Amino acid sequence: MVGERASTMLAMVVCIGILLACKAREEASPVDTGVATTASAPVASSVGPVASTAPKTEAANAGDVKRFPDEKKLDEDAKLEWNSSKIRREPRGGPEVAVLLKGAAVHKIAEHAGFFLITFQDPKDVARTLMGWVYQDAFKAAAAHFTGPITMKVKPAASCAPGYGHYENDGLDVCRRECKQHTDCPSSFYCGDPEPVLKWCHEEDPL
C-alpha cells in the first residue's frame, strides 16, 4: 500500500516537472507574429546650413511684379555690388519693394530692357521670398562718379564748357551736364534721356 502511494506521488512530481519545463521553454522562445522585423533606420536631421543664395521658391509678391512677354528667362545666382540697390515692382520708377545692400545674394530669373528680375530673401523676414526689378549695373563694381557741378551759367552765344550742353526748359536756361552713363553724373543724380538727342544728369533717381 505504501509502495503504491509512493509511486503515485513520484509520477505526479515528474509530470509537474515536465509541465514547468515546457512552460519555461515557451516563454523563452519569441512569438512568431508573421511580421519581419528590421533595425530602425536613423532619422535624418531636418536642419541644414543656411542658404548662401536667395531661395528659388515662389515669391510672396509675384502677383504685384510686372512681367513682359519678351523678357529673357534666366536661372542664375548673383550678388549685388552697389552699396545699396533699389528693387522695384517694375523697371524705371515702379513702386519700391526693398533696398538691398552690397553683397546681398539674389537669384536672376529674367532680363528686360537693361533690368534684371530677381528673387531674394525679405530683409525683414528671411523665411519669406520676394521678387523685383533691379538695374543691370547693380551687379558691377561701383565706379567713381563725376564730382563737378550739374549746371553752369550760360556763356555768351550759349556756348558751354566741355561736357555740358545748352539746356532750356520751363524758364531754366543753363549749361547742363551731359552724360552717357550714370557715372558721368554725381552719385546722387542719374543719367536720363528726356531729350531725343542728348542725355542729361537728373536729380530724381528712377532706378
C-alpha atoms as a PDB file:
ATOM      1  CA  MET A   1       0.000   0.000   0.000  1.00  0.00           C
ATOM      2  CA  VAL A   2       2.800   2.320   0.977  1.00  0.00           C
ATOM      3  CA  GLY A   3       4.701   1.407  -2.174  1.00  0.00           C
ATOM      4  CA  GLU A   4       1.749   2.217  -4.446  1.00  0.00           C
ATOM      5  CA  ARG A   5       1.234   5.632  -2.748  1.00  0.00           C
ATOM      6  CA  ALA A   6       4.921   6.488  -3.179  1.00  0.00           C
ATOM      7  CA  SER A   7       4.846   5.529  -6.851  1.00  0.00           C
ATOM      8  CA  THR A   8       1.790   7.707  -7.448  1.00  0.00           C
ATOM      9  CA  MET A   9       3.398  10.740  -5.784  1.00  0.00           C
ATOM     10  CA  LEU A  10       6.617  10.250  -7.762  1.00  0.00           C
ATOM     11  CA  ALA A  11       4.648  10.157 -11.008  1.00  0.00           C
ATOM     12  CA  MET A  12       2.866  13.370 -10.074  1.00  0.00           C
ATOM     13  CA  VAL A  13       6.166  15.128  -9.324  1.00  0.00           C
ATOM     14  CA  VAL A  14       7.596  14.041 -12.703  1.00  0.00           C
ATOM     15  CA  CYS A  15       4.515  15.318 -14.551  1.00  0.00           C
ATOM     16  CA  ILE A  16       4.623  18.670 -12.775  1.00  0.00           C
ATOM     17  CA  GLY A  17       8.318  18.972 -13.610  1.00  0.00           C
ATOM     18  CA  ILE A  18       7.675  18.260 -17.287  1.00  0.00           C
ATOM     19  CA  LEU A  19       4.844  20.862 -17.421  1.00  0.00           C
ATOM     20  CA  LEU A  20       7.011  23.541 -15.797  1.00  0.00           C
ATOM     21  CA  ALA A  21       9.875  22.826 -18.209  1.00  0.00           C
ATOM     22  CA  CYS A  22       7.560  23.171 -21.234  1.00  0.00           C
ATOM     23  CA  LYS A  23       6.123  26.449 -19.949  1.00  0.00           C
ATOM     24  CA  ALA A  24       9.610  27.909 -19.407  1.00  0.00           C
ATOM     25  CA  ARG A  25      10.644  26.926 -22.937  1.00  0.00           C
ATOM     26  CA  GLU A  26       7.532  28.639 -24.448  1.00  0.00           C
ATOM     27  CA  GLU A  27       8.226  31.874 -22.550  1.00  0.00           C
ATOM     28  CA  ALA A  28      11.877  31.921 -23.669  1.00  0.00           C
ATOM     29  CA  SER A  29      11.037  31.398 -27.390  1.00  0.00           C
ATOM     30  CA  PRO A  30       9.997  34.501 -29.466  1.00  0.00           C
ATOM     31  CA  VAL A  31       6.401  34.562 -30.659  1.00  0.00           C
ATOM     32  CA  ASP A  32       6.081  34.273 -34.415  1.00  0.00           C
ATOM     33  CA  THR A  33       3.801  37.152 -35.451  1.00  0.00           C
ATOM     34  CA  GLY A  34       4.342  36.665 -39.157  1.00  0.00           C
ATOM     35  CA  VAL A  35       5.830  40.210 -39.465  1.00  0.00           C
ATOM     36  CA  ALA A  36       9.509  40.561 -40.326  1.00  0.00           C
ATOM     37  CA  THR A  37      11.440  42.937 -38.077  1.00  0.00           C
ATOM     38  CA  THR A  38      14.378  45.127 -39.141  1.00  0.00           C
ATOM     39  CA  ALA A  39      16.673  47.529 -37.374  1.00  0.00           C
ATOM     40  CA  SER A  40      15.312  51.077 -37.131  1.00  0.00           C
ATOM     41  CA  ALA A  41      16.876  53.481 -39.663  1.00  0.00           C
ATOM     42  CA  PRO A  42      18.343  56.715 -38.255  1.00  0.00           C
ATOM     43  CA  VAL A  43      16.149  59.808 -38.731  1.00  0.00           C
ATOM     44  CA  ALA A  44      17.827  62.481 -40.886  1.00  0.00           C
ATOM     45  CA  SER A  45      18.051  65.944 -39.350  1.00  0.00           C
ATOM     46  CA  SER A  46      15.743  68.496 -40.960  1.00  0.00           C
ATOM     47  CA  VAL A  47      18.081  71.334 -40.029  1.00  0.00           C
ATOM     48  CA  GLY A  48      20.591  72.249 -42.738  1.00  0.00           C
ATOM     49  CA  PRO A  49      23.103  75.030 -43.357  1.00  0.00           C
ATOM     50  CA  VAL A  50      21.754  78.493 -44.050  1.00  0.00           C
ATOM     51  CA  ALA A  51      21.493  79.037 -47.823  1.00  0.00           C
ATOM     52  CA  SER A  52      24.130  81.363 -49.240  1.00  0.00           C
ATOM     53  CA  THR A  53      21.856  82.346 -52.113  1.00  0.00           C
ATOM     54  CA  ALA A  54      18.311  83.609 -52.325  1.00  0.00           C
ATOM     55  CA  PRO A  55      15.655  80.870 -52.287  1.00  0.00           C
ATOM     56  CA  LYS A  56      14.186  79.870 -55.660  1.00  0.00           C
ATOM     57  CA  THR A  57      10.695  79.332 -54.263  1.00  0.00           C
ATOM     58  CA  GLU A  58       7.646  81.299 -55.388  1.00  0.00           C
ATOM     59  CA  ALA A  59       7.862  84.938 -54.311  1.00  0.00           C
ATOM     60  CA  ALA A  60       5.185  86.202 -51.949  1.00  0.00           C
ATOM     61  CA  ASN A  61       4.679  89.323 -54.074  1.00  0.00           C
ATOM     62  CA  ALA A  62       4.829  87.628 -57.501  1.00  0.00           C
ATOM     63  CA  GLY A  63       1.362  88.911 -58.425  1.00  0.00           C
ATOM     64  CA  ASP A  64       2.412  92.529 -57.854  1.00  0.00           C
ATOM     65  CA  VAL A  65       5.512  92.485 -60.083  1.00  0.00           C
ATOM     66  CA  LYS A  66       5.217  93.470 -63.749  1.00  0.00           C
ATOM     67  CA  ARG A  67       6.254  90.855 -66.331  1.00  0.00           C
ATOM     68  CA  PHE A  68       6.967  91.209 -70.038  1.00  0.00           C
ATOM     69  CA  PRO A  69       6.268  88.774 -72.891  1.00  0.00           C
ATOM     70  CA  ASP A  70       9.696  89.442 -74.434  1.00  0.00           C
ATOM     71  CA  GLU A  71      11.731  89.129 -71.235  1.00  0.00           C
ATOM     72  CA  LYS A  72      14.708  86.777 -71.387  1.00  0.00           C
ATOM     73  CA  LYS A  73      14.472  83.844 -68.957  1.00  0.00           C
ATOM     74  CA  LEU A  74      17.428  83.341 -66.614  1.00  0.00           C
ATOM     75  CA  ASP A  75      18.419  80.937 -63.839  1.00  0.00           C
ATOM     76  CA  GLU A  76      21.494  82.411 -62.198  1.00  0.00           C
ATOM     77  CA  ASP A  77      22.735  83.159 -58.687  1.00  0.00           C
ATOM     78  CA  ALA A  78      24.433  86.529 -58.220  1.00  0.00           C
ATOM     79  CA  LYS A  79      25.457  89.131 -55.653  1.00  0.00           C
ATOM     80  CA  LEU A  80      24.832  92.864 -55.754  1.00  0.00           C
ATOM     81  CA  GLU A  81      27.838  95.192 -55.976  1.00  0.00           C
ATOM     82  CA  TRP A  82      26.305  98.602 -55.337  1.00  0.00           C
ATOM     83  CA  ASN A  83      26.348  99.915 -51.780  1.00  0.00           C
ATOM     84  CA  SER A  84      22.549  99.954 -51.968  1.00  0.00           C
ATOM     85  CA  SER A  85      20.216  98.837 -54.744  1.00  0.00           C
ATOM     86  CA  LYS A  86      16.547  99.713 -55.115  1.00  0.00           C
ATOM     87  CA  ILE A  87      14.342  96.756 -56.031  1.00  0.00           C
ATOM     88  CA  ARG A  88      11.070  97.767 -57.691  1.00  0.00           C
ATOM     89  CA  ARG A  89       7.850  96.185 -58.946  1.00  0.00           C
ATOM     90  CA  GLU A  90       8.663  97.299 -62.482  1.00  0.00           C
ATOM     91  CA  PRO A  91      11.680  98.796 -64.269  1.00  0.00           C
ATOM     92  CA  ARG A  92      12.270 102.553 -64.133  1.00  0.00           C
ATOM     93  CA  GLY A  93      10.356 104.145 -61.341  1.00  0.00           C
ATOM     94  CA  GLY A  94       7.934 101.419 -60.248  1.00  0.00           C
ATOM     95  CA  PRO A  95       6.864 101.103 -56.584  1.00  0.00           C
ATOM     96  CA  GLU A  96       9.766 100.111 -54.343  1.00  0.00           C
ATOM     97  CA  VAL A  97       9.870  96.554 -52.968  1.00  0.00           C
ATOM     98  CA  ALA A  98      13.088  96.755 -50.926  1.00  0.00           C
ATOM     99  CA  VAL A  99      16.563  98.246 -50.733  1.00  0.00           C
ATOM    100  CA  LEU A 100      19.346  95.647 -50.699  1.00  0.00           C
ATOM    101  CA  LEU A 101      22.909  96.290 -49.563  1.00  0.00           C
ATOM    102  CA  LYS A 102      26.182  95.365 -51.228  1.00  0.00           C
ATOM    103  CA  GLY A 103      26.867  91.627 -51.145  1.00  0.00           C
ATOM    104  CA  ALA A 104      23.190  90.626 -50.949  1.00  0.00           C
ATOM    105  CA  ALA A 105      22.642  87.191 -52.522  1.00  0.00           C
ATOM    106  CA  VAL A 106      19.916  87.140 -55.182  1.00  0.00           C
ATOM    107  CA  HIS A 107      18.718  84.865 -57.973  1.00  0.00           C
ATOM    108  CA  LYS A 108      18.201  86.241 -61.501  1.00  0.00           C
ATOM    109  CA  ILE A 109      15.123  84.839 -63.214  1.00  0.00           C
ATOM    110  CA  ALA A 110      14.645  87.258 -66.141  1.00  0.00           C
ATOM    111  CA  GLU A 111      16.133  90.218 -68.018  1.00  0.00           C
ATOM    112  CA  HIS A 112      14.347  93.065 -69.778  1.00  0.00           C
ATOM    113  CA  ALA A 113      15.464  96.448 -71.150  1.00  0.00           C
ATOM    114  CA  GLY A 114      18.600  96.723 -69.020  1.00  0.00           C
ATOM    115  CA  PHE A 115      16.987  95.427 -65.824  1.00  0.00           C
ATOM    116  CA  PHE A 116      17.112  92.054 -64.072  1.00  0.00           C
ATOM    117  CA  LEU A 117      14.154  90.400 -62.363  1.00  0.00           C
ATOM    118  CA  ILE A 118      15.469  88.807 -59.178  1.00  0.00           C
ATOM    119  CA  THR A 119      14.238  86.838 -56.176  1.00  0.00           C
ATOM    120  CA  PHE A 120      15.723  87.413 -52.737  1.00  0.00           C
ATOM    121  CA  GLN A 121      15.128  86.951 -49.031  1.00  0.00           C
ATOM    122  CA  ASP A 122      12.899  89.595 -47.499  1.00  0.00           C
ATOM    123  CA  PRO A 123      15.268  91.757 -45.361  1.00  0.00           C
ATOM    124  CA  LYS A 124      12.505  91.972 -42.736  1.00  0.00           C
ATOM    125  CA  ASP A 125      11.676  88.235 -42.752  1.00  0.00           C
ATOM    126  CA  VAL A 126      14.350  85.827 -44.060  1.00  0.00           C
ATOM    127  CA  ALA A 127      11.807  82.998 -44.239  1.00  0.00           C
ATOM    128  CA  ARG A 128       9.934  84.937 -46.929  1.00  0.00           C
ATOM    129  CA  THR A 129      10.911  85.290 -50.610  1.00  0.00           C
ATOM    130  CA  LEU A 130      10.321  88.488 -52.582  1.00  0.00           C
ATOM    131  CA  MET A 131      10.980  89.475 -56.183  1.00  0.00           C
ATOM    132  CA  GLY A 132      11.519  92.681 -58.130  1.00  0.00           C
ATOM    133  CA  TRP A 133      13.442  94.501 -60.849  1.00  0.00           C
ATOM    134  CA  VAL A 134      16.933  95.936 -60.350  1.00  0.00           C
ATOM    135  CA  TYR A 135      19.141  97.925 -62.727  1.00  0.00           C
ATOM    136  CA  GLN A 136      21.752  95.822 -64.548  1.00  0.00           C
ATOM    137  CA  ASP A 137      24.715  97.906 -63.346  1.00  0.00           C
ATOM    138  CA  ALA A 138      23.933  96.973 -59.737  1.00  0.00           C
ATOM    139  CA  PHE A 139      25.948  93.784 -60.384  1.00  0.00           C
ATOM    140  CA  LYS A 140      29.034  95.731 -61.484  1.00  0.00           C
ATOM    141  CA  ALA A 141      31.641  97.152 -59.128  1.00  0.00           C
ATOM    142  CA  ALA A 142      30.814 100.789 -58.447  1.00  0.00           C
ATOM    143  CA  ALA A 143      32.934 103.222 -60.450  1.00  0.00           C
ATOM    144  CA  ALA A 144      33.952 106.718 -59.417  1.00  0.00           C
ATOM    145  CA  HIS A 145      31.244 109.285 -60.138  1.00  0.00           C
ATOM    146  CA  PHE A 146      31.671 112.718 -61.666  1.00  0.00           C
ATOM    147  CA  THR A 147      32.024 115.295 -58.874  1.00  0.00           C
ATOM    148  CA  GLY A 148      31.589 118.629 -60.684  1.00  0.00           C
ATOM    149  CA  PRO A 149      28.538 120.900 -60.777  1.00  0.00           C
ATOM    150  CA  ILE A 150      25.399 119.730 -62.504  1.00  0.00           C
ATOM    151  CA  THR A 151      24.675 123.093 -64.129  1.00  0.00           C
ATOM    152  CA  MET A 152      26.642 126.160 -65.174  1.00  0.00           C
ATOM    153  CA  LYS A 153      25.520 129.594 -66.255  1.00  0.00           C
ATOM    154  CA  VAL A 154      25.091 130.020 -69.977  1.00  0.00           C
ATOM    155  CA  LYS A 155      28.004 131.782 -71.560  1.00  0.00           C
ATOM    156  CA  PRO A 156      27.595 134.302 -74.362  1.00  0.00           C
ATOM    157  CA  ALA A 157      26.162 132.749 -77.530  1.00  0.00           C
ATOM    158  CA  ALA A 158      25.003 129.773 -75.455  1.00  0.00           C
ATOM    159  CA  SER A 159      28.481 128.211 -75.516  1.00  0.00           C
ATOM    160  CA  CYS A 160      29.056 125.718 -72.704  1.00  0.00           C
ATOM    161  CA  ALA A 161      32.149 124.127 -71.175  1.00  0.00           C
ATOM    162  CA  PRO A 162      33.199 120.643 -72.393  1.00  0.00           C
ATOM    163  CA  GLY A 163      30.837 118.002 -71.011  1.00  0.00           C
ATOM    164  CA  TYR A 164      27.936 120.468 -70.746  1.00  0.00           C
ATOM    165  CA  GLY A 165      25.148 121.309 -73.176  1.00  0.00           C
ATOM    166  CA  HIS A 166      22.709 124.183 -73.503  1.00  0.00           C
ATOM    167  CA  TYR A 167      19.581 123.290 -71.574  1.00  0.00           C
ATOM    168  CA  GLU A 168      16.442 125.415 -71.678  1.00  0.00           C
ATOM    169  CA  ASN A 169      13.210 124.219 -70.094  1.00  0.00           C
ATOM    170  CA  ASP A 170      10.440 125.846 -68.028  1.00  0.00           C
ATOM    171  CA  GLY A 171      12.316 129.122 -67.796  1.00  0.00           C
ATOM    172  CA  LEU A 172      15.609 127.415 -66.940  1.00  0.00           C
ATOM    173  CA  ASP A 173      18.413 128.462 -69.315  1.00  0.00           C
ATOM    174  CA  VAL A 174      21.703 126.891 -68.264  1.00  0.00           C
ATOM    175  CA  CYS A 175      24.590 124.720 -69.346  1.00  0.00           C
ATOM    176  CA  ARG A 176      23.667 121.285 -68.000  1.00  0.00           C
ATOM    177  CA  ARG A 177      25.867 118.256 -67.517  1.00  0.00           C
ATOM    178  CA  GLU A 178      25.607 115.801 -70.425  1.00  0.00           C
ATOM    179  CA  CYS A 179      26.050 112.074 -69.851  1.00  0.00           C
ATOM    180  CA  LYS A 180      26.161 108.648 -71.414  1.00  0.00           C
ATOM    181  CA  GLN A 181      26.099 106.610 -68.188  1.00  0.00           C
ATOM    182  CA  HIS A 182      25.297 107.153 -64.508  1.00  0.00           C
ATOM    183  CA  THR A 183      28.933 107.640 -63.528  1.00  0.00           C
ATOM    184  CA  ASP A 184      29.057 110.733 -65.738  1.00  0.00           C
ATOM    185  CA  CYS A 185      26.840 112.331 -63.083  1.00  0.00           C
ATOM    186  CA  PRO A 186      27.320 112.946 -59.351  1.00  0.00           C
ATOM    187  CA  SER A 187      26.402 109.950 -57.186  1.00  0.00           C
ATOM    188  CA  SER A 188      23.065 111.494 -56.152  1.00  0.00           C
ATOM    189  CA  PHE A 189      21.999 112.001 -59.804  1.00  0.00           C
ATOM    190  CA  TYR A 190      21.192 109.692 -62.695  1.00  0.00           C
ATOM    191  CA  CYS A 191      21.672 109.823 -66.448  1.00  0.00           C
ATOM    192  CA  GLY A 192      18.332 110.157 -68.221  1.00  0.00           C
ATOM    193  CA  ASP A 193      17.150 110.926 -71.715  1.00  0.00           C
ATOM    194  CA  PRO A 194      14.151 113.264 -71.809  1.00  0.00           C
ATOM    195  CA  GLU A 195      15.586 114.866 -74.939  1.00  0.00           C
ATOM    196  CA  PRO A 196      15.667 112.969 -78.250  1.00  0.00           C
ATOM    197  CA  VAL A 197      19.390 113.555 -78.813  1.00  0.00           C
ATOM    198  CA  LEU A 198      21.228 114.315 -75.575  1.00  0.00           C
ATOM    199  CA  LYS A 199      21.134 112.651 -72.176  1.00  0.00           C
ATOM    200  CA  TRP A 200      21.261 114.821 -69.074  1.00  0.00           C
ATOM    201  CA  CYS A 201      22.031 114.351 -65.390  1.00  0.00           C
ATOM    202  CA  HIS A 202      18.808 114.480 -63.400  1.00  0.00           C
ATOM    203  CA  GLU A 203      18.142 114.864 -59.695  1.00  0.00           C
ATOM    204  CA  GLU A 204      15.461 112.204 -59.246  1.00  0.00           C
ATOM    205  CA  ASP A 205      16.696 108.621 -59.453  1.00  0.00           C
ATOM    206  CA  PRO A 206      14.119 106.347 -61.165  1.00  0.00           C
ATOM    207  CA  LEU A 207      16.096 103.166 -60.507  1.00  0.00           C
END
